[in-house]
Amino acid sequence: MKFSICNEVFENWTWTDTAKAIADAGYDGVEIAPFTLADSVSDLSAVERETFRVQAQEVGLEIVGLHWLFVSPKGLHTTTDDEATRRRTTAYLCELIRFCGDLGAKVMVVGSPQQRNVEEGVAYEVAWQRFVEMIVACLDLAAERDVILCMEALPASQANFVTSLAEAVKMVQEVNHPNFQSMFDVHNACLETDPLPELVRRYMPYIKHVHVNEMDGGYPGSGDFDFGSILRVLYQENFQGYVSIEAFDFSPGAERIAQESLRALRAAL
């Protein structure tokens, strides 16, 4: 099983030092939040993109993919009434796909709660159609760059749009394109009513990426979640993607989070 960690844990670290610390901790890959590298990936040159890829490769890391896609630049939104904003957001998603491909990465987690929330006065069905139109508009490019967009379910405490894995998979089935799939996040599943291992097994054909964290957003091992129950299902179902640590509390320190998380997951496995 391949493990990666999201790079925003290493806030204020250089990319070179981040990659080295992640590799030294024993990970196979690193997942990138684009806003940690630039306000807009459009500002990153071909040389800079190649440098990120090569520096990760030199320490034995694969760049797995991207998440927190629409945090910056400011003003992006996927379901708003404002058509110009939606066009700009779609264009930026295409730019992110190009960036992901340039890094040699394969997955993009489509989350970003604030930029997908259904605004007051917008019907849910309309928001759904707008979101689907954005995804569909980018899928030819995603196929060309060998990138899979992974629809992320977010709990109702974070967002009011696509709040369960079942709903995420429903959208995937509706779009029906190999480069649009789903993913599973332990923390985001806090309000799911079915046992999580059962949920993962049920939707395994659509899950191409996994985020692991404690239910309170802490790093694996800082709480009491049974990660073995999820990892066993992934192993039994021959999951080929990455299991990626996404912690939201950075206060323990990046190196401690990286080392103790991987130790806990390997023990659980």
C-alpha atoms as a PDB file:
ATOM      1  CA  MET A   1       0.000   0.000   0.000  1.00  0.00           C
ATOM      2  CA  LYS A   2       1.305   3.436  -0.959  1.00  0.00           C
ATOM      3  CA  PHE A   3       1.245   6.311   1.522  1.00  0.00           C
ATOM      4  CA  SER A   4       1.544  10.053   0.943  1.00  0.00           C
ATOM      5  CA  ILE A   5       1.031  13.191   2.999  1.00  0.00           C
ATOM      6  CA  CYS A   6      -0.450  16.583   2.119  1.00  0.00           C
ATOM      7  CA  ASN A   7       2.186  19.287   1.944  1.00  0.00           C
ATOM      8  CA  GLU A   8       0.308  22.090   3.742  1.00  0.00           C
ATOM      9  CA  VAL A   9       1.303  20.471   7.046  1.00  0.00           C
ATOM     10  CA  PHE A  10       4.785  21.790   6.262  1.00  0.00           C
ATOM     11  CA  GLU A  11       3.673  25.415   6.316  1.00  0.00           C
ATOM     12  CA  ASN A  12       6.476  27.938   5.834  1.00  0.00           C
ATOM     13  CA  TRP A  13       8.906  25.192   4.724  1.00  0.00           C
ATOM     14  CA  THR A  14      10.648  25.372   1.366  1.00  0.00           C
ATOM     15  CA  TRP A  15       9.622  22.802  -1.232  1.00  0.00           C
ATOM     16  CA  THR A  16      13.084  21.230  -1.139  1.00  0.00           C
ATOM     17  CA  ASP A  17      13.036  20.790   2.647  1.00  0.00           C
ATOM     18  CA  THR A  18       9.442  19.562   2.579  1.00  0.00           C
ATOM     19  CA  ALA A  19      10.166  16.867   0.003  1.00  0.00           C
ATOM     20  CA  LYS A  20      13.261  15.707   1.860  1.00  0.00           C
ATOM     21  CA  ALA A  21      11.460  15.505   5.228  1.00  0.00           C
ATOM     22  CA  ILE A  22       8.582  13.537   3.709  1.00  0.00           C
ATOM     23  CA  ALA A  23      10.957  11.123   1.997  1.00  0.00           C
ATOM     24  CA  ASP A  24      13.027  10.740   5.178  1.00  0.00           C
ATOM     25  CA  ALA A  25       9.858   9.858   7.095  1.00  0.00           C
ATOM     26  CA  GLY A  26       9.322   6.930   4.726  1.00  0.00           C
ATOM     27  CA  TYR A  27       6.511   8.087   2.453  1.00  0.00           C
ATOM     28  CA  ASP A  28       6.034   7.095  -1.169  1.00  0.00           C
ATOM     29  CA  GLY A  29       4.459  10.351  -2.276  1.00  0.00           C
ATOM     30  CA  VAL A  30       3.408  13.914  -1.549  1.00  0.00           C
ATOM     31  CA  GLU A  31       0.058  15.569  -2.251  1.00  0.00           C
ATOM     32  CA  ILE A  32       0.024  19.290  -2.972  1.00  0.00           C
ATOM     33  CA  ALA A  33      -2.344  22.102  -2.037  1.00  0.00           C
ATOM     34  CA  PRO A  34      -1.661  24.522  -4.928  1.00  0.00           C
ATOM     35  CA  PHE A  35      -2.099  27.661  -2.802  1.00  0.00           C
ATOM     36  CA  THR A  36       1.030  26.670  -0.853  1.00  0.00           C
ATOM     37  CA  LEU A  37       3.132  27.136  -3.994  1.00  0.00           C
ATOM     38  CA  ALA A  38       1.509  30.186  -5.589  1.00  0.00           C
ATOM     39  CA  ASP A  39      -1.652  32.260  -5.395  1.00  0.00           C
ATOM     40  CA  SER A  40      -2.376  31.033  -8.913  1.00  0.00           C
ATOM     41  CA  VAL A  41      -0.650  28.122 -10.614  1.00  0.00           C
ATOM     42  CA  SER A  42      -0.798  30.194 -13.782  1.00  0.00           C
ATOM     43  CA  ASP A  43       2.097  32.166 -12.301  1.00  0.00           C
ATOM     44  CA  LEU A  44       4.340  29.088 -12.136  1.00  0.00           C
ATOM     45  CA  SER A  45       6.577  28.732 -15.172  1.00  0.00           C
ATOM     46  CA  ALA A  46       7.378  25.512 -16.994  1.00  0.00           C
ATOM     47  CA  VAL A  47      10.836  25.605 -15.392  1.00  0.00           C
ATOM     48  CA  GLU A  48       9.373  25.943 -11.890  1.00  0.00           C
ATOM     49  CA  ARG A  49       6.963  23.088 -12.487  1.00  0.00           C
ATOM     50  CA  GLU A  50       9.747  20.852 -13.715  1.00  0.00           C
ATOM     51  CA  THR A  51      11.850  21.811 -10.687  1.00  0.00           C
ATOM     52  CA  PHE A  52       9.087  20.720  -8.292  1.00  0.00           C
ATOM     53  CA  ARG A  53       8.779  17.392 -10.094  1.00  0.00           C
ATOM     54  CA  VAL A  54      12.497  16.712 -10.314  1.00  0.00           C
ATOM     55  CA  GLN A  55      13.251  17.674  -6.705  1.00  0.00           C
ATOM     56  CA  ALA A  56      10.553  15.276  -5.495  1.00  0.00           C
ATOM     57  CA  GLN A  57      11.845  12.544  -7.792  1.00  0.00           C
ATOM     58  CA  GLU A  58      15.422  13.031  -6.605  1.00  0.00           C
ATOM     59  CA  VAL A  59      14.471  12.114  -3.025  1.00  0.00           C
ATOM     60  CA  GLY A  60      12.326   9.182  -4.187  1.00  0.00           C
ATOM     61  CA  LEU A  61       8.883  10.802  -3.965  1.00  0.00           C
ATOM     62  CA  GLU A  62       6.027  10.713  -6.435  1.00  0.00           C
ATOM     63  CA  ILE A  63       3.836  13.806  -6.626  1.00  0.00           C
ATOM     64  CA  VAL A  64       0.480  12.139  -6.148  1.00  0.00           C
ATOM     65  CA  GLY A  65      -1.964  14.911  -6.947  1.00  0.00           C
ATOM     66  CA  LEU A  66      -3.650  18.141  -5.892  1.00  0.00           C
ATOM     67  CA  HIS A  67      -6.327  19.118  -3.358  1.00  0.00           C
ATOM     68  CA  TRP A  68      -7.831  22.357  -1.959  1.00  0.00           C
ATOM     69  CA  LEU A  69      -8.145  23.365  -5.599  1.00  0.00           C
ATOM     70  CA  PHE A  70     -10.141  26.599  -5.392  1.00  0.00           C
ATOM     71  CA  VAL A  71      -8.804  28.249  -2.224  1.00  0.00           C
ATOM     72  CA  SER A  72      -6.910  30.719  -4.378  1.00  0.00           C
ATOM     73  CA  PRO A  73      -6.945  32.883  -6.363  1.00  0.00           C
ATOM     74  CA  LYS A  74      -9.788  34.625  -4.543  1.00  0.00           C
ATOM     75  CA  GLY A  75     -13.238  34.870  -6.048  1.00  0.00           C
ATOM     76  CA  LEU A  76     -13.658  31.380  -7.514  1.00  0.00           C
ATOM     77  CA  HIS A  77     -17.006  29.602  -7.161  1.00  0.00           C
ATOM     78  CA  THR A  78     -18.504  26.580  -8.883  1.00  0.00           C
ATOM     79  CA  THR A  79     -22.280  26.972  -8.417  1.00  0.00           C
ATOM     80  CA  THR A  80     -22.882  30.714  -8.174  1.00  0.00           C
ATOM     81  CA  ASP A  81     -25.444  32.653 -10.225  1.00  0.00           C
ATOM     82  CA  ASP A  82     -22.608  34.797 -11.568  1.00  0.00           C
ATOM     83  CA  GLU A  83     -21.768  33.303 -14.944  1.00  0.00           C
ATOM     84  CA  ALA A  84     -18.467  35.176 -15.285  1.00  0.00           C
ATOM     85  CA  THR A  85     -17.273  33.692 -11.980  1.00  0.00           C
ATOM     86  CA  ARG A  86     -18.244  30.201 -13.094  1.00  0.00           C
ATOM     87  CA  ARG A  87     -16.380  30.658 -16.399  1.00  0.00           C
ATOM     88  CA  ARG A  88     -13.306  31.879 -14.537  1.00  0.00           C
ATOM     89  CA  THR A  89     -13.511  28.909 -12.155  1.00  0.00           C
ATOM     90  CA  THR A  90     -13.820  26.451 -15.034  1.00  0.00           C
ATOM     91  CA  ALA A  91     -10.826  28.029 -16.754  1.00  0.00           C
ATOM     92  CA  TYR A  92      -8.803  27.754 -13.560  1.00  0.00           C
ATOM     93  CA  LEU A  93      -9.759  24.100 -13.138  1.00  0.00           C
ATOM     94  CA  CYS A  94      -8.346  23.502 -16.625  1.00  0.00           C
ATOM     95  CA  GLU A  95      -5.155  25.321 -15.629  1.00  0.00           C
ATOM     96  CA  LEU A  96      -4.904  23.122 -12.520  1.00  0.00           C
ATOM     97  CA  ILE A  97      -5.234  20.032 -14.714  1.00  0.00           C
ATOM     98  CA  ARG A  98      -2.335  21.248 -16.849  1.00  0.00           C
ATOM     99  CA  PHE A  99      -0.306  21.945 -13.716  1.00  0.00           C
ATOM    100  CA  CYS A 100      -1.116  18.498 -12.317  1.00  0.00           C
ATOM    101  CA  GLY A 101      -0.038  16.875 -15.567  1.00  0.00           C
ATOM    102  CA  ASP A 102       3.178  18.887 -15.662  1.00  0.00           C
ATOM    103  CA  LEU A 103       4.041  17.559 -12.192  1.00  0.00           C
ATOM    104  CA  GLY A 104       3.440  13.989 -13.331  1.00  0.00           C
ATOM    105  CA  ALA A 105       0.581  13.720 -10.821  1.00  0.00           C
ATOM    106  CA  LYS A 106      -2.550  11.662 -11.446  1.00  0.00           C
ATOM    107  CA  VAL A 107      -5.401  12.780  -9.159  1.00  0.00           C
ATOM    108  CA  MET A 108      -7.145  16.024  -8.245  1.00  0.00           C
ATOM    109  CA  VAL A 109      -9.476  16.078  -5.253  1.00  0.00           C
ATOM    110  CA  VAL A 110     -12.468  18.323  -5.976  1.00  0.00           C
ATOM    111  CA  GLY A 111     -13.419  19.646  -2.541  1.00  0.00           C
ATOM    112  CA  SER A 112     -13.104  23.332  -1.510  1.00  0.00           C
ATOM    113  CA  PRO A 113     -16.309  23.763   0.550  1.00  0.00           C
ATOM    114  CA  GLN A 114     -16.565  27.549   0.441  1.00  0.00           C
ATOM    115  CA  GLN A 115     -16.263  27.599  -3.320  1.00  0.00           C
ATOM    116  CA  ARG A 116     -19.006  25.030  -3.918  1.00  0.00           C
ATOM    117  CA  ASN A 117     -21.665  25.956  -1.345  1.00  0.00           C
ATOM    118  CA  VAL A 118     -25.095  26.533  -2.852  1.00  0.00           C
ATOM    119  CA  GLU A 119     -25.879  30.195  -2.367  1.00  0.00           C
ATOM    120  CA  GLU A 120     -29.199  31.483  -1.068  1.00  0.00           C
ATOM    121  CA  GLY A 121     -31.741  31.671  -3.858  1.00  0.00           C
ATOM    122  CA  VAL A 122     -30.032  29.022  -6.025  1.00  0.00           C
ATOM    123  CA  ALA A 123     -31.963  25.771  -6.411  1.00  0.00           C
ATOM    124  CA  TYR A 124     -29.969  22.664  -5.550  1.00  0.00           C
ATOM    125  CA  GLU A 125     -30.748  21.109  -8.925  1.00  0.00           C
ATOM    126  CA  VAL A 126     -29.439  24.204 -10.694  1.00  0.00           C
ATOM    127  CA  ALA A 127     -26.236  24.162  -8.617  1.00  0.00           C
ATOM    128  CA  TRP A 128     -25.805  20.478  -9.424  1.00  0.00           C
ATOM    129  CA  GLN A 129     -26.153  21.104 -13.157  1.00  0.00           C
ATOM    130  CA  ARG A 130     -23.695  24.004 -13.054  1.00  0.00           C
ATOM    131  CA  PHE A 131     -21.128  21.909 -11.218  1.00  0.00           C
ATOM    132  CA  VAL A 132     -21.540  19.020 -13.651  1.00  0.00           C
ATOM    133  CA  GLU A 133     -21.152  21.387 -16.607  1.00  0.00           C
ATOM    134  CA  MET A 134     -17.865  22.647 -15.161  1.00  0.00           C
ATOM    135  CA  ILE A 135     -16.546  19.109 -14.722  1.00  0.00           C
ATOM    136  CA  VAL A 136     -17.630  17.976 -18.191  1.00  0.00           C
ATOM    137  CA  ALA A 137     -16.004  21.023 -19.795  1.00  0.00           C
ATOM    138  CA  CYS A 138     -12.622  19.920 -18.413  1.00  0.00           C
ATOM    139  CA  LEU A 139     -12.711  16.179 -18.974  1.00  0.00           C
ATOM    140  CA  ASP A 140     -11.214  16.049 -22.456  1.00  0.00           C
ATOM    141  CA  LEU A 141      -8.199  17.921 -21.099  1.00  0.00           C
ATOM    142  CA  ALA A 142      -8.080  15.639 -18.047  1.00  0.00           C
ATOM    143  CA  ALA A 143      -8.001  12.607 -20.323  1.00  0.00           C
ATOM    144  CA  GLU A 144      -5.279  14.193 -22.450  1.00  0.00           C
ATOM    145  CA  ARG A 145      -3.134  14.889 -19.367  1.00  0.00           C
ATOM    146  CA  ASP A 146      -3.949  11.519 -17.714  1.00  0.00           C
ATOM    147  CA  VAL A 147      -5.505  13.170 -14.660  1.00  0.00           C
ATOM    148  CA  ILE A 148      -8.500  11.878 -12.697  1.00  0.00           C
ATOM    149  CA  LEU A 149     -10.810  14.416 -11.025  1.00  0.00           C
ATOM    150  CA  CYS A 150     -12.031  12.886  -7.758  1.00  0.00           C
ATOM    151  CA  MET A 151     -15.324  14.213  -6.397  1.00  0.00           C
ATOM    152  CA  GLU A 152     -15.007  14.666  -2.641  1.00  0.00           C
ATOM    153  CA  ALA A 153     -18.000  14.330  -0.350  1.00  0.00           C
ATOM    154  CA  LEU A 154     -17.985  16.910   2.455  1.00  0.00           C
ATOM    155  CA  PRO A 155     -20.018  16.731   5.691  1.00  0.00           C
ATOM    156  CA  ALA A 156     -22.953  19.082   6.206  1.00  0.00           C
ATOM    157  CA  SER A 157     -20.917  20.871   8.878  1.00  0.00           C
ATOM    158  CA  GLN A 158     -18.586  22.088   6.114  1.00  0.00           C
ATOM    159  CA  ALA A 159     -20.724  22.417   3.008  1.00  0.00           C
ATOM    160  CA  ASN A 160     -24.286  22.154   1.722  1.00  0.00           C
ATOM    161  CA  PHE A 161     -23.442  20.489  -1.590  1.00  0.00           C
ATOM    162  CA  VAL A 162     -22.610  16.783  -2.117  1.00  0.00           C
ATOM    163  CA  THR A 163     -22.497  15.810   1.540  1.00  0.00           C
ATOM    164  CA  SER A 164     -22.270  12.016   1.313  1.00  0.00           C
ATOM    165  CA  LEU A 165     -20.214   9.469  -0.581  1.00  0.00           C
ATOM    166  CA  ALA A 166     -23.427   8.137  -2.130  1.00  0.00           C
ATOM    167  CA  GLU A 167     -24.166  11.567  -3.584  1.00  0.00           C
ATOM    168  CA  ALA A 168     -20.604  11.954  -4.884  1.00  0.00           C
ATOM    169  CA  VAL A 169     -20.883   8.584  -6.620  1.00  0.00           C
ATOM    170  CA  LYS A 170     -24.281   9.573  -8.023  1.00  0.00           C
ATOM    171  CA  MET A 171     -22.611  12.513  -9.758  1.00  0.00           C
ATOM    172  CA  VAL A 172     -19.806  10.276 -11.025  1.00  0.00           C
ATOM    173  CA  GLN A 173     -22.356   7.867 -12.471  1.00  0.00           C
ATOM    174  CA  GLU A 174     -24.260  10.711 -14.109  1.00  0.00           C
ATOM    175  CA  VAL A 175     -21.156  12.151 -15.779  1.00  0.00           C
ATOM    176  CA  ASN A 176     -19.991   8.656 -16.747  1.00  0.00           C
ATOM    177  CA  HIS A 177     -16.424   9.441 -17.760  1.00  0.00           C
ATOM    178  CA  PRO A 178     -13.292   7.488 -16.723  1.00  0.00           C
ATOM    179  CA  ASN A 179     -11.484  10.693 -15.713  1.00  0.00           C
ATOM    180  CA  PHE A 180     -14.186  11.684 -13.204  1.00  0.00           C
ATOM    181  CA  GLN A 181     -14.321   9.418 -10.155  1.00  0.00           C
ATOM    182  CA  SER A 182     -14.614   9.770  -6.375  1.00  0.00           C
ATOM    183  CA  MET A 183     -12.492   9.440  -3.244  1.00  0.00           C
ATOM    184  CA  PHE A 184     -12.933   8.679   0.455  1.00  0.00           C
ATOM    185  CA  ASP A 185     -11.979  10.883   3.398  1.00  0.00           C
ATOM    186  CA  VAL A 186     -12.274   9.534   6.962  1.00  0.00           C
ATOM    187  CA  HIS A 187     -12.842  12.932   8.574  1.00  0.00           C
ATOM    188  CA  ASN A 188     -15.443  13.913   5.972  1.00  0.00           C
ATOM    189  CA  ALA A 189     -17.379  10.720   6.662  1.00  0.00           C
ATOM    190  CA  CYS A 190     -18.091  11.733  10.264  1.00  0.00           C
ATOM    191  CA  LEU A 191     -21.843  12.092   9.576  1.00  0.00           C
ATOM    192  CA  GLU A 192     -22.270   8.986   7.400  1.00  0.00           C
ATOM    193  CA  THR A 193     -24.803   6.585   8.903  1.00  0.00           C
ATOM    194  CA  ASP A 194     -23.381   3.296   7.585  1.00  0.00           C
ATOM    195  CA  PRO A 195     -20.234   1.690   9.027  1.00  0.00           C
ATOM    196  CA  LEU A 196     -17.301   3.230   7.178  1.00  0.00           C
ATOM    197  CA  PRO A 197     -15.610  -0.037   6.108  1.00  0.00           C
ATOM    198  CA  GLU A 198     -18.928  -1.146   4.626  1.00  0.00           C
ATOM    199  CA  LEU A 199     -19.273   2.200   2.843  1.00  0.00           C
ATOM    200  CA  VAL A 200     -15.779   1.931   1.356  1.00  0.00           C
ATOM    201  CA  ARG A 201     -16.383  -1.609   0.154  1.00  0.00           C
ATOM    202  CA  ARG A 202     -19.721  -0.647  -1.434  1.00  0.00           C
ATOM    203  CA  TYR A 203     -18.274   2.215  -3.456  1.00  0.00           C
ATOM    204  CA  MET A 204     -14.795   0.800  -4.033  1.00  0.00           C
ATOM    205  CA  PRO A 205     -15.099   0.775  -7.859  1.00  0.00           C
ATOM    206  CA  TYR A 206     -15.366   4.580  -7.766  1.00  0.00           C
ATOM    207  CA  ILE A 207     -12.756   5.359  -5.077  1.00  0.00           C
ATOM    208  CA  LYS A 208      -9.442   6.353  -6.657  1.00  0.00           C
ATOM    209  CA  HIS A 209      -7.874   8.193  -3.709  1.00  0.00           C
ATOM    210  CA  VAL A 210      -8.126   8.100   0.085  1.00  0.00           C
ATOM    211  CA  HIS A 211      -7.553  10.719   2.790  1.00  0.00           C
ATOM    212  CA  VAL A 212      -6.947   9.525   6.334  1.00  0.00           C
ATOM    213  CA  ASN A 213      -7.238  11.601   9.485  1.00  0.00           C
ATOM    214  CA  GLU A 214      -8.873  11.305  12.869  1.00  0.00           C
ATOM    215  CA  MET A 215     -12.548  12.227  13.096  1.00  0.00           C
ATOM    216  CA  ASP A 216     -11.589  15.503  14.780  1.00  0.00           C
ATOM    217  CA  GLY A 217      -9.156  16.370  11.987  1.00  0.00           C
ATOM    218  CA  GLY A 218      -6.035  15.329  13.889  1.00  0.00           C
ATOM    219  CA  TYR A 219      -3.311  13.206  12.376  1.00  0.00           C
ATOM    220  CA  PRO A 220      -3.656   9.379  12.372  1.00  0.00           C
ATOM    221  CA  GLY A 221      -2.617   7.984  15.724  1.00  0.00           C
ATOM    222  CA  SER A 222      -3.526  11.100  17.705  1.00  0.00           C
ATOM    223  CA  GLY A 223      -6.998   9.681  18.388  1.00  0.00           C
ATOM    224  CA  ASP A 224      -8.728   6.324  18.521  1.00  0.00           C
ATOM    225  CA  PHE A 225     -10.106   5.768  15.007  1.00  0.00           C
ATOM    226  CA  ASP A 226      -9.620   2.194  13.783  1.00  0.00           C
ATOM    227  CA  PHE A 227      -7.697   2.787  10.559  1.00  0.00           C
ATOM    228  CA  GLY A 228      -7.109  -0.937  10.234  1.00  0.00           C
ATOM    229  CA  SER A 229     -10.795  -1.399   9.426  1.00  0.00           C
ATOM    230  CA  ILE A 230     -10.422   0.825   6.344  1.00  0.00           C
ATOM    231  CA  LEU A 231      -6.977  -0.378   5.291  1.00  0.00           C
ATOM    232  CA  ARG A 232      -8.108  -4.008   5.387  1.00  0.00           C
ATOM    233  CA  VAL A 233     -10.895  -3.260   2.925  1.00  0.00           C
ATOM    234  CA  LEU A 234      -8.513  -1.399   0.634  1.00  0.00           C
ATOM    235  CA  TYR A 235      -6.075  -4.308   0.774  1.00  0.00           C
ATOM    236  CA  GLN A 236      -8.776  -6.916   0.174  1.00  0.00           C
ATOM    237  CA  GLU A 237     -10.176  -4.937  -2.763  1.00  0.00           C
ATOM    238  CA  ASN A 238      -6.689  -4.485  -4.288  1.00  0.00           C
ATOM    239  CA  PHE A 239      -6.806  -0.689  -4.086  1.00  0.00           C
ATOM    240  CA  GLN A 240      -4.149   0.756  -6.411  1.00  0.00           C
ATOM    241  CA  GLY A 241      -4.242   4.408  -5.371  1.00  0.00           C
ATOM    242  CA  TYR A 242      -2.635   6.359  -2.554  1.00  0.00           C
ATOM    243  CA  VAL A 243      -3.634   6.612   1.092  1.00  0.00           C
ATOM    244  CA  SER A 244      -2.799  10.201   1.932  1.00  0.00           C
ATOM    245  CA  ILE A 245      -2.562  11.854   5.360  1.00  0.00           C
ATOM    246  CA  GLU A 246      -4.480  15.130   5.575  1.00  0.00           C
ATOM    247  CA  ALA A 247      -4.261  16.683   9.035  1.00  0.00           C
ATOM    248  CA  PHE A 248      -5.925  19.980   9.941  1.00  0.00           C
ATOM    249  CA  ASP A 249      -4.180  20.688  13.230  1.00  0.00           C
ATOM    250  CA  PHE A 250      -0.560  21.587  12.486  1.00  0.00           C
ATOM    251  CA  SER A 251       0.379  22.483  16.076  1.00  0.00           C
ATOM    252  CA  PRO A 252       2.232  19.207  16.869  1.00  0.00           C
ATOM    253  CA  GLY A 253       4.753  20.096  14.157  1.00  0.00           C
ATOM    254  CA  ALA A 254       5.165  18.808  10.617  1.00  0.00           C
ATOM    255  CA  GLU A 255       7.850  16.205  11.289  1.00  0.00           C
ATOM    256  CA  ARG A 256       6.005  14.706  14.246  1.00  0.00           C
ATOM    257  CA  ILE A 257       2.750  14.573  12.274  1.00  0.00           C
ATOM    258  CA  ALA A 258       4.475  12.896   9.330  1.00  0.00           C
ATOM    259  CA  GLN A 259       6.408  10.345  11.366  1.00  0.00           C
ATOM    260  CA  GLU A 260       3.706   9.368  13.866  1.00  0.00           C
ATOM    261  CA  SER A 261       0.973   9.194  11.217  1.00  0.00           C
ATOM    262  CA  LEU A 262       2.918   6.767   9.050  1.00  0.00           C
ATOM    263  CA  ARG A 263       3.918   4.706  12.076  1.00  0.00           C
ATOM    264  CA  ALA A 264       0.248   4.430  13.133  1.00  0.00           C
ATOM    265  CA  LEU A 265      -0.953   3.454   9.656  1.00  0.00           C
ATOM    266  CA  ARG A 266       1.711   0.823   9.180  1.00  0.00           C
ATOM    267  CA  ALA A 267       0.864  -0.646  12.563  1.00  0.00           C
ATOM    268  CA  ALA A 268      -2.812  -0.682  11.640  1.00  0.00           C
ATOM    269  CA  LEU A 269      -2.045  -2.326   8.307  1.00  0.00           C
END
